[in-house]
Amino acid sequence: MPEFIRLAERALLIMLAVLVIWRILPVFSLHPHVLLLLASEISAVVFLVFQRKGTWATSFYTTFIAFAGTSAPLLIAPSGQMLASDFITAPLIWTGTALALAAKLSLRRSFGLVPANRGVKSSGAYRFVRHPMYTGYVLNHIGFLLMFFSAWNLAIYLTTWVLLYLRAIEEERFLLQDPLYADYAKSVKCRIVPGLI
């Protein structure tokens, strides 16, 4: 991947981290567990800055869905009808953040937005689903949606989930060229939700 694309990827992620802080901090006093959403987003910046180089996918479509899938959930608004108490939303967000962070820690310097082969990961959270980070994001999104339900937030998250699924397909199309990943995909059947997809 050209260096300017790597720099653009990093700049975008930093900008999105600032945006999510700006949007979420005002509701912290009402729902302290939203800080976990921030931790999940900001940790991505740290991992991206120290990622190792590898063989990258560079098609426009692949790059677009990677950036759109990362950008879309940051368009949510912390307003709307509360459908569930913090007793329900907090465990969803705790679990989602823990899973996303565990996936990032499994990847360490292999984390990135655009599909790249920086080595096959099959330990940690990757033993259960092939994209546990996305599983964690979905749990976070559900928790947030139950706190701030609105047509806008629902549309944003439905769009995000479609993009995450398309992104997983594109990542795997790229990674399946590696026989090690093909073997891994045969042993771990589900992409995002154990037993379903």
C-alpha atoms as a PDB file:
ATOM      1  CA  MET A   1       0.000   0.000   0.000  1.00  0.00           C
ATOM      2  CA  PRO A   2       1.400   3.425  -0.912  1.00  0.00           C
ATOM      3  CA  GLU A   3       2.571   5.476   2.035  1.00  0.00           C
ATOM      4  CA  PHE A   4       0.092   8.286   1.366  1.00  0.00           C
ATOM      5  CA  ILE A   5      -2.812   5.830   1.768  1.00  0.00           C
ATOM      6  CA  ARG A   6      -1.393   4.601   5.075  1.00  0.00           C
ATOM      7  CA  LEU A   7      -1.089   8.231   6.241  1.00  0.00           C
ATOM      8  CA  ALA A   8      -4.647   8.977   5.089  1.00  0.00           C
ATOM      9  CA  GLU A   9      -5.884   5.903   6.973  1.00  0.00           C
ATOM     10  CA  ARG A  10      -4.198   7.110  10.152  1.00  0.00           C
ATOM     11  CA  ALA A  11      -5.448  10.688   9.723  1.00  0.00           C
ATOM     12  CA  LEU A  12      -9.009   9.455   9.192  1.00  0.00           C
ATOM     13  CA  LEU A  13      -8.904   7.280  12.274  1.00  0.00           C
ATOM     14  CA  ILE A  14      -7.570  10.127  14.424  1.00  0.00           C
ATOM     15  CA  MET A  15     -10.285  12.433  13.105  1.00  0.00           C
ATOM     16  CA  LEU A  16     -12.965   9.842  13.835  1.00  0.00           C
ATOM     17  CA  ALA A  17     -11.635   9.293  17.356  1.00  0.00           C
ATOM     18  CA  VAL A  18     -11.905  13.028  18.027  1.00  0.00           C
ATOM     19  CA  LEU A  19     -15.428  13.059  16.556  1.00  0.00           C
ATOM     20  CA  VAL A  20     -16.637  10.197  18.737  1.00  0.00           C
ATOM     21  CA  ILE A  21     -15.197  11.871  21.860  1.00  0.00           C
ATOM     22  CA  TRP A  22     -16.965  15.117  20.977  1.00  0.00           C
ATOM     23  CA  ARG A  23     -20.313  13.359  20.490  1.00  0.00           C
ATOM     24  CA  ILE A  24     -20.228  10.945  23.430  1.00  0.00           C
ATOM     25  CA  LEU A  25     -18.698  12.939  26.296  1.00  0.00           C
ATOM     26  CA  PRO A  26     -21.807  15.100  26.885  1.00  0.00           C
ATOM     27  CA  VAL A  27     -23.815  11.996  27.906  1.00  0.00           C
ATOM     28  CA  PHE A  28     -21.121  10.560  30.175  1.00  0.00           C
ATOM     29  CA  SER A  29     -22.768  11.820  33.370  1.00  0.00           C
ATOM     30  CA  LEU A  30     -25.997   9.961  32.504  1.00  0.00           C
ATOM     31  CA  HIS A  31     -24.395   6.765  31.194  1.00  0.00           C
ATOM     32  CA  PRO A  32     -20.789   6.345  32.426  1.00  0.00           C
ATOM     33  CA  HIS A  33     -20.322   3.111  30.470  1.00  0.00           C
ATOM     34  CA  VAL A  34     -20.245   5.114  27.220  1.00  0.00           C
ATOM     35  CA  LEU A  35     -16.592   5.739  28.063  1.00  0.00           C
ATOM     36  CA  LEU A  36     -16.027   2.130  27.012  1.00  0.00           C
ATOM     37  CA  LEU A  37     -17.186   3.041  23.510  1.00  0.00           C
ATOM     38  CA  LEU A  38     -14.518   5.728  23.535  1.00  0.00           C
ATOM     39  CA  ALA A  39     -11.879   3.277  24.749  1.00  0.00           C
ATOM     40  CA  SER A  40     -12.745   0.907  21.921  1.00  0.00           C
ATOM     41  CA  GLU A  41     -12.481   3.649  19.289  1.00  0.00           C
ATOM     42  CA  ILE A  42      -9.348   5.309  20.634  1.00  0.00           C
ATOM     43  CA  SER A  43      -7.492   2.018  21.021  1.00  0.00           C
ATOM     44  CA  ALA A  44      -7.781   1.641  17.254  1.00  0.00           C
ATOM     45  CA  VAL A  45      -5.636   4.759  16.813  1.00  0.00           C
ATOM     46  CA  VAL A  46      -2.873   3.293  18.951  1.00  0.00           C
ATOM     47  CA  PHE A  47      -2.883  -0.040  17.117  1.00  0.00           C
ATOM     48  CA  LEU A  48      -3.018   1.617  13.698  1.00  0.00           C
ATOM     49  CA  VAL A  49      -0.053   3.887  14.390  1.00  0.00           C
ATOM     50  CA  PHE A  50       2.094   0.852  15.244  1.00  0.00           C
ATOM     51  CA  GLN A  51       0.778  -1.571  12.621  1.00  0.00           C
ATOM     52  CA  ARG A  52       3.261  -3.569  10.639  1.00  0.00           C
ATOM     53  CA  LYS A  53       3.421  -3.455   6.851  1.00  0.00           C
ATOM     54  CA  GLY A  54       2.049  -6.250   4.720  1.00  0.00           C
ATOM     55  CA  THR A  55       0.377  -7.059   1.420  1.00  0.00           C
ATOM     56  CA  TRP A  56      -2.659  -4.782   1.070  1.00  0.00           C
ATOM     57  CA  ALA A  57      -5.917  -4.814  -0.896  1.00  0.00           C
ATOM     58  CA  THR A  58      -6.072  -1.594  -2.911  1.00  0.00           C
ATOM     59  CA  SER A  59      -9.299  -1.677  -4.965  1.00  0.00           C
ATOM     60  CA  PHE A  60     -11.591   1.341  -4.696  1.00  0.00           C
ATOM     61  CA  TYR A  61     -14.533  -0.763  -3.495  1.00  0.00           C
ATOM     62  CA  THR A  62     -12.517  -2.455  -0.745  1.00  0.00           C
ATOM     63  CA  THR A  63     -11.058   0.851   0.431  1.00  0.00           C
ATOM     64  CA  PHE A  64     -14.472   2.564   0.288  1.00  0.00           C
ATOM     65  CA  ILE A  65     -16.300  -0.010   2.422  1.00  0.00           C
ATOM     66  CA  ALA A  66     -13.421  -0.051   4.931  1.00  0.00           C
ATOM     67  CA  PHE A  67     -13.582   3.719   5.400  1.00  0.00           C
ATOM     68  CA  ALA A  68     -17.405   3.867   5.212  1.00  0.00           C
ATOM     69  CA  GLY A  69     -17.753   1.006   7.693  1.00  0.00           C
ATOM     70  CA  THR A  70     -15.481   2.836  10.119  1.00  0.00           C
ATOM     71  CA  SER A  71     -17.054   6.262   9.557  1.00  0.00           C
ATOM     72  CA  ALA A  72     -20.767   5.389   9.585  1.00  0.00           C
ATOM     73  CA  PRO A  73     -21.159   4.485  13.279  1.00  0.00           C
ATOM     74  CA  LEU A  74     -19.647   7.808  14.283  1.00  0.00           C
ATOM     75  CA  LEU A  75     -22.637   9.602  12.749  1.00  0.00           C
ATOM     76  CA  ILE A  76     -24.909   8.402  15.554  1.00  0.00           C
ATOM     77  CA  ALA A  77     -26.479  10.944  17.852  1.00  0.00           C
ATOM     78  CA  PRO A  78     -26.610  10.469  21.641  1.00  0.00           C
ATOM     79  CA  SER A  79     -30.318  11.358  21.725  1.00  0.00           C
ATOM     80  CA  GLY A  80     -33.548   9.444  21.349  1.00  0.00           C
ATOM     81  CA  GLN A  81     -35.831   7.196  23.360  1.00  0.00           C
ATOM     82  CA  MET A  82     -34.331   4.960  26.026  1.00  0.00           C
ATOM     83  CA  LEU A  83     -35.573   1.397  25.378  1.00  0.00           C
ATOM     84  CA  ALA A  84     -33.569  -0.376  28.082  1.00  0.00           C
ATOM     85  CA  SER A  85     -32.005   0.558  31.387  1.00  0.00           C
ATOM     86  CA  ASP A  86     -28.296   0.731  32.066  1.00  0.00           C
ATOM     87  CA  PHE A  87     -28.741  -2.659  33.744  1.00  0.00           C
ATOM     88  CA  ILE A  88     -29.080  -4.093  30.204  1.00  0.00           C
ATOM     89  CA  THR A  89     -27.053  -1.649  28.108  1.00  0.00           C
ATOM     90  CA  ALA A  90     -23.976  -1.547  30.331  1.00  0.00           C
ATOM     91  CA  PRO A  91     -23.274  -5.331  30.074  1.00  0.00           C
ATOM     92  CA  LEU A  92     -23.730  -5.166  26.290  1.00  0.00           C
ATOM     93  CA  ILE A  93     -21.233  -2.333  26.001  1.00  0.00           C
ATOM     94  CA  TRP A  94     -18.821  -3.903  28.522  1.00  0.00           C
ATOM     95  CA  THR A  95     -18.902  -7.199  26.615  1.00  0.00           C
ATOM     96  CA  GLY A  96     -18.672  -5.556  23.191  1.00  0.00           C
ATOM     97  CA  THR A  97     -15.738  -3.394  24.214  1.00  0.00           C
ATOM     98  CA  ALA A  98     -13.938  -6.304  25.881  1.00  0.00           C
ATOM     99  CA  LEU A  99     -14.376  -8.439  22.767  1.00  0.00           C
ATOM    100  CA  ALA A 100     -13.264  -5.690  20.370  1.00  0.00           C
ATOM    101  CA  LEU A 101     -10.229  -4.912  22.537  1.00  0.00           C
ATOM    102  CA  ALA A 102      -9.363  -8.607  22.874  1.00  0.00           C
ATOM    103  CA  ALA A 103      -9.478  -8.911  19.089  1.00  0.00           C
ATOM    104  CA  LYS A 104      -7.258  -5.860  18.695  1.00  0.00           C
ATOM    105  CA  LEU A 105      -4.814  -7.228  21.265  1.00  0.00           C
ATOM    106  CA  SER A 106      -4.747 -10.529  19.359  1.00  0.00           C
ATOM    107  CA  LEU A 107      -3.882  -8.614  16.193  1.00  0.00           C
ATOM    108  CA  ARG A 108      -1.514  -6.163  17.897  1.00  0.00           C
ATOM    109  CA  ARG A 109       0.551  -4.588  15.105  1.00  0.00           C
ATOM    110  CA  SER A 110      -1.469  -6.406  12.433  1.00  0.00           C
ATOM    111  CA  PHE A 111      -4.498  -4.146  12.994  1.00  0.00           C
ATOM    112  CA  GLY A 112      -5.624  -1.994  10.060  1.00  0.00           C
ATOM    113  CA  LEU A 113      -8.670  -0.686   8.243  1.00  0.00           C
ATOM    114  CA  VAL A 114      -7.961  -1.811   4.680  1.00  0.00           C
ATOM    115  CA  PRO A 115      -7.650  -5.591   4.193  1.00  0.00           C
ATOM    116  CA  ALA A 116      -4.039  -6.723   4.387  1.00  0.00           C
ATOM    117  CA  ASN A 117      -2.215  -9.948   5.017  1.00  0.00           C
ATOM    118  CA  ARG A 118       0.034  -9.303   7.984  1.00  0.00           C
ATOM    119  CA  GLY A 119      -0.074 -12.883   9.193  1.00  0.00           C
ATOM    120  CA  VAL A 120      -2.980 -15.178  10.068  1.00  0.00           C
ATOM    121  CA  LYS A 121      -4.362 -14.826  13.587  1.00  0.00           C
ATOM    122  CA  SER A 122      -6.182 -17.840  15.013  1.00  0.00           C
ATOM    123  CA  SER A 123      -5.732 -17.504  18.772  1.00  0.00           C
ATOM    124  CA  GLY A 124      -7.593 -15.529  21.412  1.00  0.00           C
ATOM    125  CA  ALA A 125     -10.985 -14.272  20.285  1.00  0.00           C
ATOM    126  CA  TYR A 126     -10.231 -15.490  16.757  1.00  0.00           C
ATOM    127  CA  ARG A 127     -10.794 -19.093  17.891  1.00  0.00           C
ATOM    128  CA  PHE A 128     -14.570 -18.496  18.003  1.00  0.00           C
ATOM    129  CA  VAL A 129     -15.373 -16.229  15.032  1.00  0.00           C
ATOM    130  CA  ARG A 130     -13.239 -14.973  12.172  1.00  0.00           C
ATOM    131  CA  HIS A 131     -14.083 -11.303  12.853  1.00  0.00           C
ATOM    132  CA  PRO A 132     -14.519 -10.937  16.623  1.00  0.00           C
ATOM    133  CA  MET A 133     -13.782  -7.230  16.494  1.00  0.00           C
ATOM    134  CA  TYR A 134     -16.924  -6.769  14.401  1.00  0.00           C
ATOM    135  CA  THR A 135     -18.863  -8.909  16.870  1.00  0.00           C
ATOM    136  CA  GLY A 136     -17.754  -6.541  19.633  1.00  0.00           C
ATOM    137  CA  TYR A 137     -18.736  -3.507  17.579  1.00  0.00           C
ATOM    138  CA  VAL A 138     -22.231  -4.938  16.971  1.00  0.00           C
ATOM    139  CA  LEU A 139     -22.730  -5.533  20.706  1.00  0.00           C
ATOM    140  CA  ASN A 140     -21.624  -1.945  21.395  1.00  0.00           C
ATOM    141  CA  HIS A 141     -24.014  -0.661  18.742  1.00  0.00           C
ATOM    142  CA  ILE A 142     -26.949  -2.610  20.172  1.00  0.00           C
ATOM    143  CA  GLY A 143     -26.186  -1.282  23.654  1.00  0.00           C
ATOM    144  CA  PHE A 144     -25.992   2.286  22.390  1.00  0.00           C
ATOM    145  CA  LEU A 145     -29.148   1.879  20.278  1.00  0.00           C
ATOM    146  CA  LEU A 146     -31.070   0.651  23.326  1.00  0.00           C
ATOM    147  CA  MET A 147     -29.955   3.775  25.204  1.00  0.00           C
ATOM    148  CA  PHE A 148     -30.636   6.225  22.372  1.00  0.00           C
ATOM    149  CA  PHE A 149     -33.186   4.717  20.003  1.00  0.00           C
ATOM    150  CA  SER A 150     -34.182   6.873  17.054  1.00  0.00           C
ATOM    151  CA  ALA A 151     -34.887   6.296  13.369  1.00  0.00           C
ATOM    152  CA  TRP A 152     -31.577   8.061  12.612  1.00  0.00           C
ATOM    153  CA  ASN A 153     -29.482   5.845  14.910  1.00  0.00           C
ATOM    154  CA  LEU A 154     -31.257   2.706  13.677  1.00  0.00           C
ATOM    155  CA  ALA A 155     -30.569   3.651  10.042  1.00  0.00           C
ATOM    156  CA  ILE A 156     -26.912   4.413  10.856  1.00  0.00           C
ATOM    157  CA  TYR A 157     -26.403   1.090  12.603  1.00  0.00           C
ATOM    158  CA  LEU A 158     -28.244  -0.974   9.978  1.00  0.00           C
ATOM    159  CA  THR A 159     -26.018   0.644   7.348  1.00  0.00           C
ATOM    160  CA  THR A 160     -22.958  -0.010   9.504  1.00  0.00           C
ATOM    161  CA  TRP A 161     -23.839  -3.688   9.973  1.00  0.00           C
ATOM    162  CA  VAL A 162     -24.277  -4.173   6.223  1.00  0.00           C
ATOM    163  CA  LEU A 163     -20.909  -2.475   5.680  1.00  0.00           C
ATOM    164  CA  LEU A 164     -19.238  -4.633   8.348  1.00  0.00           C
ATOM    165  CA  TYR A 165     -20.575  -7.764   6.668  1.00  0.00           C
ATOM    166  CA  LEU A 166     -19.431  -6.598   3.220  1.00  0.00           C
ATOM    167  CA  ARG A 167     -16.089  -5.668   4.722  1.00  0.00           C
ATOM    168  CA  ALA A 168     -15.698  -9.138   6.239  1.00  0.00           C
ATOM    169  CA  ILE A 169     -16.446 -10.706   2.846  1.00  0.00           C
ATOM    170  CA  GLU A 170     -13.866  -8.483   1.120  1.00  0.00           C
ATOM    171  CA  GLU A 171     -11.251  -9.139   3.797  1.00  0.00           C
ATOM    172  CA  GLU A 172     -11.762 -12.855   3.402  1.00  0.00           C
ATOM    173  CA  ARG A 173     -11.680 -12.702  -0.394  1.00  0.00           C
ATOM    174  CA  PHE A 174      -8.247 -11.147  -0.018  1.00  0.00           C
ATOM    175  CA  LEU A 175      -7.035 -13.394   2.815  1.00  0.00           C
ATOM    176  CA  LEU A 176      -8.261 -16.673   1.291  1.00  0.00           C
ATOM    177  CA  GLN A 177      -5.401 -16.384  -1.199  1.00  0.00           C
ATOM    178  CA  ASP A 178      -3.227 -17.458   1.735  1.00  0.00           C
ATOM    179  CA  PRO A 179      -3.464 -21.252   2.301  1.00  0.00           C
ATOM    180  CA  LEU A 180      -3.003 -20.704   6.058  1.00  0.00           C
ATOM    181  CA  TYR A 181      -6.076 -18.474   6.170  1.00  0.00           C
ATOM    182  CA  ALA A 182      -8.049 -20.918   4.015  1.00  0.00           C
ATOM    183  CA  ASP A 183      -7.303 -23.668   6.567  1.00  0.00           C
ATOM    184  CA  TYR A 184      -8.268 -21.327   9.403  1.00  0.00           C
ATOM    185  CA  ALA A 185     -11.580 -20.442   7.692  1.00  0.00           C
ATOM    186  CA  LYS A 186     -12.403 -24.152   7.411  1.00  0.00           C
ATOM    187  CA  SER A 187     -11.901 -24.679  11.127  1.00  0.00           C
ATOM    188  CA  VAL A 188     -13.672 -21.486  12.320  1.00  0.00           C
ATOM    189  CA  LYS A 189     -16.961 -21.535  10.417  1.00  0.00           C
ATOM    190  CA  CYS A 190     -18.638 -18.251  11.451  1.00  0.00           C
ATOM    191  CA  ARG A 191     -17.600 -14.758  10.476  1.00  0.00           C
ATOM    192  CA  ILE A 192     -19.282 -12.544  13.079  1.00  0.00           C
ATOM    193  CA  VAL A 193     -21.958 -14.344  15.146  1.00  0.00           C
ATOM    194  CA  PRO A 194     -21.161 -17.831  16.460  1.00  0.00           C
ATOM    195  CA  GLY A 195     -23.581 -20.366  15.014  1.00  0.00           C
ATOM    196  CA  LEU A 196     -25.202 -17.870  12.629  1.00  0.00           C
ATOM    197  CA  ILE A 197     -23.050 -15.828  10.255  1.00  0.00           C
END
